[in-house]
Amino acid sequence: MLRIAVCDDDSAAVQSNRKMAEACLKQCGSTGEIAVYTHSENLLYDITEDGFFFEPRIPSGMAPVWIK
């Protein structure tokens, strides 16, 4: 299962990006857990203290998606 973190100080952008990630998961037939953050300190805590390890991986045959 994929664990995806979306972080932005703009709550509308966070929700928009969460919806995009959900749509990508659905389109690929994958499942995942999407965590959203509006404060980078909370994301950093989860990565370093709470056992959430961010390890970006791109499945074979898939291109990365860059969001601008």
PDB file of N, CA and C in Angstrom:
ATOM      1  N   MET A   1       0.840  -1.172   0.000  1.00  0.00           N
ATOM      2  CA  MET A   1       0.000   0.000   0.000  1.00  0.00           C
ATOM      3  C   MET A   1       0.891   1.245   0.000  1.00  0.00           C
ATOM      4  N   LEU A   2       0.477   2.224  -0.754  1.00  0.00           N
ATOM      5  CA  LEU A   2       1.195   3.491  -0.819  1.00  0.00           C
ATOM      6  C   LEU A   2       0.778   4.389   0.335  1.00  0.00           C
ATOM      7  N   ARG A   3       1.732   5.128   0.836  1.00  0.00           N
ATOM      8  CA  ARG A   3       1.447   6.151   1.842  1.00  0.00           C
ATOM      9  C   ARG A   3       1.867   7.476   1.224  1.00  0.00           C
ATOM     10  N   ILE A   4       0.909   8.354   1.046  1.00  0.00           N
ATOM     11  CA  ILE A   4       1.141   9.625   0.360  1.00  0.00           C
ATOM     12  C   ILE A   4       0.903  10.763   1.333  1.00  0.00           C
ATOM     13  N   ALA A   5       1.818  11.726   1.348  1.00  0.00           N
ATOM     14  CA  ALA A   5       1.671  12.920   2.175  1.00  0.00           C
ATOM     15  C   ALA A   5       1.527  14.126   1.261  1.00  0.00           C
ATOM     16  N   VAL A   6       0.508  14.941   1.535  1.00  0.00           N
ATOM     17  CA  VAL A   6       0.298  16.192   0.805  1.00  0.00           C
ATOM     18  C   VAL A   6       0.457  17.315   1.815  1.00  0.00           C
ATOM     19  N   CYS A   7       1.355  18.253   1.527  1.00  0.00           N
ATOM     20  CA  CYS A   7       1.621  19.337   2.472  1.00  0.00           C
ATOM     21  C   CYS A   7       1.625  20.671   1.751  1.00  0.00           C
ATOM     22  N   ASP A   8       0.823  21.603   2.262  1.00  0.00           N
ATOM     23  CA  ASP A   8       0.785  22.966   1.736  1.00  0.00           C
ATOM     24  C   ASP A   8       0.139  23.831   2.802  1.00  0.00           C
ATOM     25  N   ASP A   9       0.576  25.074   2.918  1.00  0.00           N
ATOM     26  CA  ASP A   9      -0.034  25.943   3.918  1.00  0.00           C
ATOM     27  C   ASP A   9      -1.403  26.472   3.476  1.00  0.00           C
ATOM     28  N   ASP A  10      -1.741  26.248   2.231  1.00  0.00           N
ATOM     29  CA  ASP A  10      -3.054  26.645   1.699  1.00  0.00           C
ATOM     30  C   ASP A  10      -3.989  25.430   1.758  1.00  0.00           C
ATOM     31  N   SER A  11      -4.980  25.479   2.643  1.00  0.00           N
ATOM     32  CA  SER A  11      -5.853  24.312   2.844  1.00  0.00           C
ATOM     33  C   SER A  11      -6.625  23.939   1.579  1.00  0.00           C
ATOM     34  N   ALA A  12      -6.965  24.919   0.747  1.00  0.00           N
ATOM     35  CA  ALA A  12      -7.658  24.610  -0.509  1.00  0.00           C
ATOM     36  C   ALA A  12      -6.739  23.824  -1.447  1.00  0.00           C
ATOM     37  N   ALA A  13      -5.469  24.194  -1.491  1.00  0.00           N
ATOM     38  CA  ALA A  13      -4.499  23.476  -2.330  1.00  0.00           C
ATOM     39  C   ALA A  13      -4.287  22.060  -1.817  1.00  0.00           C
ATOM     40  N   VAL A  14      -4.242  21.905  -0.500  1.00  0.00           N
ATOM     41  CA  VAL A  14      -4.079  20.567   0.079  1.00  0.00           C
ATOM     42  C   VAL A  14      -5.241  19.671  -0.343  1.00  0.00           C
ATOM     43  N   GLN A  15      -6.455  20.161  -0.237  1.00  0.00           N
ATOM     44  CA  GLN A  15      -7.625  19.349  -0.599  1.00  0.00           C
ATOM     45  C   GLN A  15      -7.648  19.052  -2.094  1.00  0.00           C
ATOM     46  N   SER A  16      -7.273  20.023  -2.905  1.00  0.00           N
ATOM     47  CA  SER A  16      -7.223  19.808  -4.356  1.00  0.00           C
ATOM     48  C   SER A  16      -6.199  18.731  -4.712  1.00  0.00           C
ATOM     49  N   ASN A  17      -5.028  18.809  -4.099  1.00  0.00           N
ATOM     50  CA  ASN A  17      -3.978  17.825  -4.373  1.00  0.00           C
ATOM     51  C   ASN A  17      -4.346  16.452  -3.817  1.00  0.00           C
ATOM     52  N   ARG A  18      -5.050  16.414  -2.689  1.00  0.00           N
ATOM     53  CA  ARG A  18      -5.521  15.135  -2.145  1.00  0.00           C
ATOM     54  C   ARG A  18      -6.474  14.479  -3.129  1.00  0.00           C
ATOM     55  N   LYS A  19      -7.382  15.265  -3.695  1.00  0.00           N
ATOM     56  CA  LYS A  19      -8.333  14.728  -4.670  1.00  0.00           C
ATOM     57  C   LYS A  19      -7.608  14.205  -5.918  1.00  0.00           C
ATOM     58  N   MET A  20      -6.563  14.928  -6.353  1.00  0.00           N
ATOM     59  CA  MET A  20      -5.780  14.462  -7.505  1.00  0.00           C
ATOM     60  C   MET A  20      -5.092  13.143  -7.196  1.00  0.00           C
ATOM     61  N   ALA A  21      -4.541  13.033  -5.996  1.00  0.00           N
ATOM     62  CA  ALA A  21      -3.866  11.786  -5.607  1.00  0.00           C
ATOM     63  C   ALA A  21      -4.866  10.640  -5.544  1.00  0.00           C
ATOM     64  N   GLU A  22      -6.061  10.900  -4.997  1.00  0.00           N
ATOM     65  CA  GLU A  22      -7.100   9.873  -4.950  1.00  0.00           C
ATOM     66  C   GLU A  22      -7.482   9.419  -6.355  1.00  0.00           C
ATOM     67  N   ALA A  23      -7.630  10.379  -7.265  1.00  0.00           N
ATOM     68  CA  ALA A  23      -7.987  10.047  -8.649  1.00  0.00           C
ATOM     69  C   ALA A  23      -6.888   9.220  -9.309  1.00  0.00           C
ATOM     70  N   CYS A  24      -5.622   9.563  -9.062  1.00  0.00           N
ATOM     71  CA  CYS A  24      -4.510   8.796  -9.633  1.00  0.00           C
ATOM     72  C   CYS A  24      -4.501   7.373  -9.098  1.00  0.00           C
ATOM     73  N   LEU A  25      -4.726   7.221  -7.798  1.00  0.00           N
ATOM     74  CA  LEU A  25      -4.771   5.881  -7.211  1.00  0.00           C
ATOM     75  C   LEU A  25      -5.887   5.061  -7.837  1.00  0.00           C
ATOM     76  N   LYS A  26      -7.044   5.684  -7.982  1.00  0.00           N
ATOM     77  CA  LYS A  26      -8.195   4.984  -8.555  1.00  0.00           C
ATOM     78  C   LYS A  26      -7.910   4.584 -10.000  1.00  0.00           C
ATOM     79  N   GLN A  27      -7.343   5.512 -10.775  1.00  0.00           N
ATOM     80  CA  GLN A  27      -7.043   5.252 -12.176  1.00  0.00           C
ATOM     81  C   GLN A  27      -6.049   4.104 -12.322  1.00  0.00           C
ATOM     82  N   CYS A  28      -5.103   4.010 -11.412  1.00  0.00           N
ATOM     83  CA  CYS A  28      -4.081   2.953 -11.476  1.00  0.00           C
ATOM     84  C   CYS A  28      -4.552   1.654 -10.835  1.00  0.00           C
ATOM     85  N   GLY A  29      -5.716   1.695 -10.197  1.00  0.00           N
ATOM     86  CA  GLY A  29      -6.209   0.506  -9.515  1.00  0.00           C
ATOM     87  C   GLY A  29      -5.418   0.191  -8.259  1.00  0.00           C
ATOM     88  N   SER A  30      -4.827   1.218  -7.666  1.00  0.00           N
ATOM     89  CA  SER A  30      -4.011   1.045  -6.461  1.00  0.00           C
ATOM     90  C   SER A  30      -4.776   1.515  -5.237  1.00  0.00           C
ATOM     91  N   THR A  31      -4.285   1.091  -4.100  1.00  0.00           N
ATOM     92  CA  THR A  31      -4.833   1.591  -2.841  1.00  0.00           C
ATOM     93  C   THR A  31      -3.737   2.360  -2.135  1.00  0.00           C
ATOM     94  N   GLY A  32      -4.143   3.252  -1.282  1.00  0.00           N
ATOM     95  CA  GLY A  32      -3.157   4.030  -0.557  1.00  0.00           C
ATOM     96  C   GLY A  32      -3.776   4.810   0.573  1.00  0.00           C
ATOM     97  N   GLU A  33      -2.908   5.281   1.421  1.00  0.00           N
ATOM     98  CA  GLU A  33      -3.298   6.130   2.541  1.00  0.00           C
ATOM     99  C   GLU A  33      -2.777   7.522   2.238  1.00  0.00           C
ATOM    100  N   ILE A  34      -3.668   8.516   2.256  1.00  0.00           N
ATOM    101  CA  ILE A  34      -3.277   9.883   1.957  1.00  0.00           C
ATOM    102  C   ILE A  34      -3.411  10.709   3.227  1.00  0.00           C
ATOM    103  N   ALA A  35      -2.291  11.269   3.677  1.00  0.00           N
ATOM    104  CA  ALA A  35      -2.287  12.148   4.843  1.00  0.00           C
ATOM    105  C   ALA A  35      -2.104  13.572   4.346  1.00  0.00           C
ATOM    106  N   VAL A  36      -2.882  14.490   4.894  1.00  0.00           N
ATOM    107  CA  VAL A  36      -2.779  15.888   4.483  1.00  0.00           C
ATOM    108  C   VAL A  36      -2.274  16.735   5.649  1.00  0.00           C
ATOM    109  N   TYR A  37      -1.466  17.716   5.308  1.00  0.00           N
ATOM    110  CA  TYR A  37      -0.854  18.594   6.301  1.00  0.00           C
ATOM    111  C   TYR A  37      -0.918  20.034   5.811  1.00  0.00           C
ATOM    112  N   THR A  38      -1.231  20.947   6.716  1.00  0.00           N
ATOM    113  CA  THR A  38      -1.161  22.373   6.403  1.00  0.00           C
ATOM    114  C   THR A  38      -0.032  23.041   7.181  1.00  0.00           C
ATOM    115  N   HIS A  39       0.686  22.247   7.950  1.00  0.00           N
ATOM    116  CA  HIS A  39       1.854  22.737   8.696  1.00  0.00           C
ATOM    117  C   HIS A  39       2.995  21.739   8.490  1.00  0.00           C
ATOM    118  N   SER A  40       4.083  22.224   7.933  1.00  0.00           N
ATOM    119  CA  SER A  40       5.202  21.334   7.624  1.00  0.00           C
ATOM    120  C   SER A  40       5.801  20.701   8.880  1.00  0.00           C
ATOM    121  N   GLU A  41       5.666  21.375  10.027  1.00  0.00           N
ATOM    122  CA  GLU A  41       6.190  20.808  11.269  1.00  0.00           C
ATOM    123  C   GLU A  41       5.490  19.488  11.599  1.00  0.00           C
ATOM    124  N   ASN A  42       4.193  19.422  11.331  1.00  0.00           N
ATOM    125  CA  ASN A  42       3.444  18.195  11.605  1.00  0.00           C
ATOM    126  C   ASN A  42       3.894  17.060  10.684  1.00  0.00           C
ATOM    127  N   LEU A  43       4.127  17.377   9.432  1.00  0.00           N
ATOM    128  CA  LEU A  43       4.637  16.369   8.498  1.00  0.00           C
ATOM    129  C   LEU A  43       6.011  15.898   8.944  1.00  0.00           C
ATOM    130  N   LEU A  44       6.876  16.831   9.288  1.00  0.00           N
ATOM    131  CA  LEU A  44       8.216  16.470   9.732  1.00  0.00           C
ATOM    132  C   LEU A  44       8.150  15.575  10.971  1.00  0.00           C
ATOM    133  N   TYR A  45       7.266  15.889  11.896  1.00  0.00           N
ATOM    134  CA  TYR A  45       7.105  15.058  13.090  1.00  0.00           C
ATOM    135  C   TYR A  45       6.707  13.640  12.699  1.00  0.00           C
ATOM    136  N   ASP A  46       5.718  13.525  11.832  1.00  0.00           N
ATOM    137  CA  ASP A  46       5.259  12.198  11.431  1.00  0.00           C
ATOM    138  C   ASP A  46       6.357  11.407  10.725  1.00  0.00           C
ATOM    139  N   ILE A  47       7.170  12.094   9.954  1.00  0.00           N
ATOM    140  CA  ILE A  47       8.242  11.407   9.239  1.00  0.00           C
ATOM    141  C   ILE A  47       9.335  10.947  10.206  1.00  0.00           C
ATOM    142  N   THR A  48       9.709  11.806  11.146  1.00  0.00           N
ATOM    143  CA  THR A  48      10.866  11.510  11.986  1.00  0.00           C
ATOM    144  C   THR A  48      10.529  10.860  13.320  1.00  0.00           C
ATOM    145  N   GLU A  49       9.407  11.203  13.917  1.00  0.00           N
ATOM    146  CA  GLU A  49       9.113  10.751  15.277  1.00  0.00           C
ATOM    147  C   GLU A  49       8.027   9.688  15.363  1.00  0.00           C
ATOM    148  N   ASP A  50       7.138   9.686  14.418  1.00  0.00           N
ATOM    149  CA  ASP A  50       5.944   8.852  14.545  1.00  0.00           C
ATOM    150  C   ASP A  50       6.011   7.573  13.706  1.00  0.00           C
ATOM    151  N   GLY A  51       7.166   7.272  13.150  1.00  0.00           N
ATOM    152  CA  GLY A  51       7.303   6.032  12.408  1.00  0.00           C
ATOM    153  C   GLY A  51       6.798   6.075  10.984  1.00  0.00           C
ATOM    154  N   PHE A  52       6.443   7.240  10.496  1.00  0.00           N
ATOM    155  CA  PHE A  52       6.023   7.385   9.103  1.00  0.00           C
ATOM    156  C   PHE A  52       7.280   7.676   8.305  1.00  0.00           C
ATOM    157  N   PHE A  53       7.691   6.759   7.478  1.00  0.00           N
ATOM    158  CA  PHE A  53       8.913   6.932   6.717  1.00  0.00           C
ATOM    159  C   PHE A  53       8.567   7.240   5.273  1.00  0.00           C
ATOM    160  N   PHE A  54       9.027   8.375   4.810  1.00  0.00           N
ATOM    161  CA  PHE A  54       8.759   8.808   3.445  1.00  0.00           C
ATOM    162  C   PHE A  54       9.819   8.209   2.542  1.00  0.00           C
ATOM    163  N   GLU A  55       9.405   7.342   1.677  1.00  0.00           N
ATOM    164  CA  GLU A  55      10.323   6.691   0.752  1.00  0.00           C
ATOM    165  C   GLU A  55       9.706   6.731  -0.635  1.00  0.00           C
ATOM    166  N   PRO A  56      10.024   7.780  -1.411  1.00  0.00           N
ATOM    167  CA  PRO A  56       9.389   7.895  -2.721  1.00  0.00           C
ATOM    168  C   PRO A  56       9.802   6.756  -3.645  1.00  0.00           C
ATOM    169  N   ARG A  57       8.812   6.129  -4.242  1.00  0.00           N
ATOM    170  CA  ARG A  57       9.049   5.064  -5.211  1.00  0.00           C
ATOM    171  C   ARG A  57       8.080   5.242  -6.363  1.00  0.00           C
ATOM    172  N   ILE A  58       8.584   5.028  -7.538  1.00  0.00           N
ATOM    173  CA  ILE A  58       7.733   5.091  -8.721  1.00  0.00           C
ATOM    174  C   ILE A  58       7.658   3.679  -9.288  1.00  0.00           C
ATOM    175  N   PRO A  59       6.446   3.111  -9.365  1.00  0.00           N
ATOM    176  CA  PRO A  59       6.319   1.757  -9.896  1.00  0.00           C
ATOM    177  C   PRO A  59       6.875   1.665 -11.313  1.00  0.00           C
ATOM    178  N   SER A  60       7.404   0.505 -11.642  1.00  0.00           N
ATOM    179  CA  SER A  60       7.985   0.269 -12.944  1.00  0.00           C
ATOM    180  C   SER A  60       6.977   0.587 -14.051  1.00  0.00           C
ATOM    181  N   GLY A  61       7.423   1.309 -15.051  1.00  0.00           N
ATOM    182  CA  GLY A  61       6.568   1.639 -16.181  1.00  0.00           C
ATOM    183  C   GLY A  61       5.744   2.901 -15.997  1.00  0.00           C
ATOM    184  N   MET A  62       5.839   3.544 -14.835  1.00  0.00           N
ATOM    185  CA  MET A  62       5.074   4.763 -14.582  1.00  0.00           C
ATOM    186  C   MET A  62       6.014   5.958 -14.558  1.00  0.00           C
ATOM    187  N   ALA A  63       5.547   7.050 -15.079  1.00  0.00           N
ATOM    188  CA  ALA A  63       6.331   8.287 -15.062  1.00  0.00           C
ATOM    189  C   ALA A  63       5.913   9.111 -13.849  1.00  0.00           C
ATOM    190  N   PRO A  64       6.847   9.876 -13.289  1.00  0.00           N
ATOM    191  CA  PRO A  64       6.471  10.736 -12.158  1.00  0.00           C
ATOM    192  C   PRO A  64       5.501  11.819 -12.610  1.00  0.00           C
ATOM    193  N   VAL A  65       4.677  12.284 -11.692  1.00  0.00           N
ATOM    194  CA  VAL A  65       3.733  13.363 -11.970  1.00  0.00           C
ATOM    195  C   VAL A  65       4.222  14.597 -11.214  1.00  0.00           C
ATOM    196  N   TRP A  66       4.493  15.643 -11.932  1.00  0.00           N
ATOM    197  CA  TRP A  66       4.967  16.877 -11.308  1.00  0.00           C
ATOM    198  C   TRP A  66       3.820  17.868 -11.261  1.00  0.00           C
ATOM    199  N   ILE A  67       3.509  18.361 -10.088  1.00  0.00           N
ATOM    200  CA  ILE A  67       2.409  19.314  -9.906  1.00  0.00           C
ATOM    201  C   ILE A  67       3.012  20.687  -9.698  1.00  0.00           C
ATOM    202  N   LYS A  68       2.583  21.622 -10.513  1.00  0.00           N
ATOM    203  CA  LYS A  68       3.102  22.993 -10.408  1.00  0.00           C
ATOM    204  C   LYS A  68       2.075  23.898  -9.795  1.00  0.00           C
TER     205      LYS A  68
END
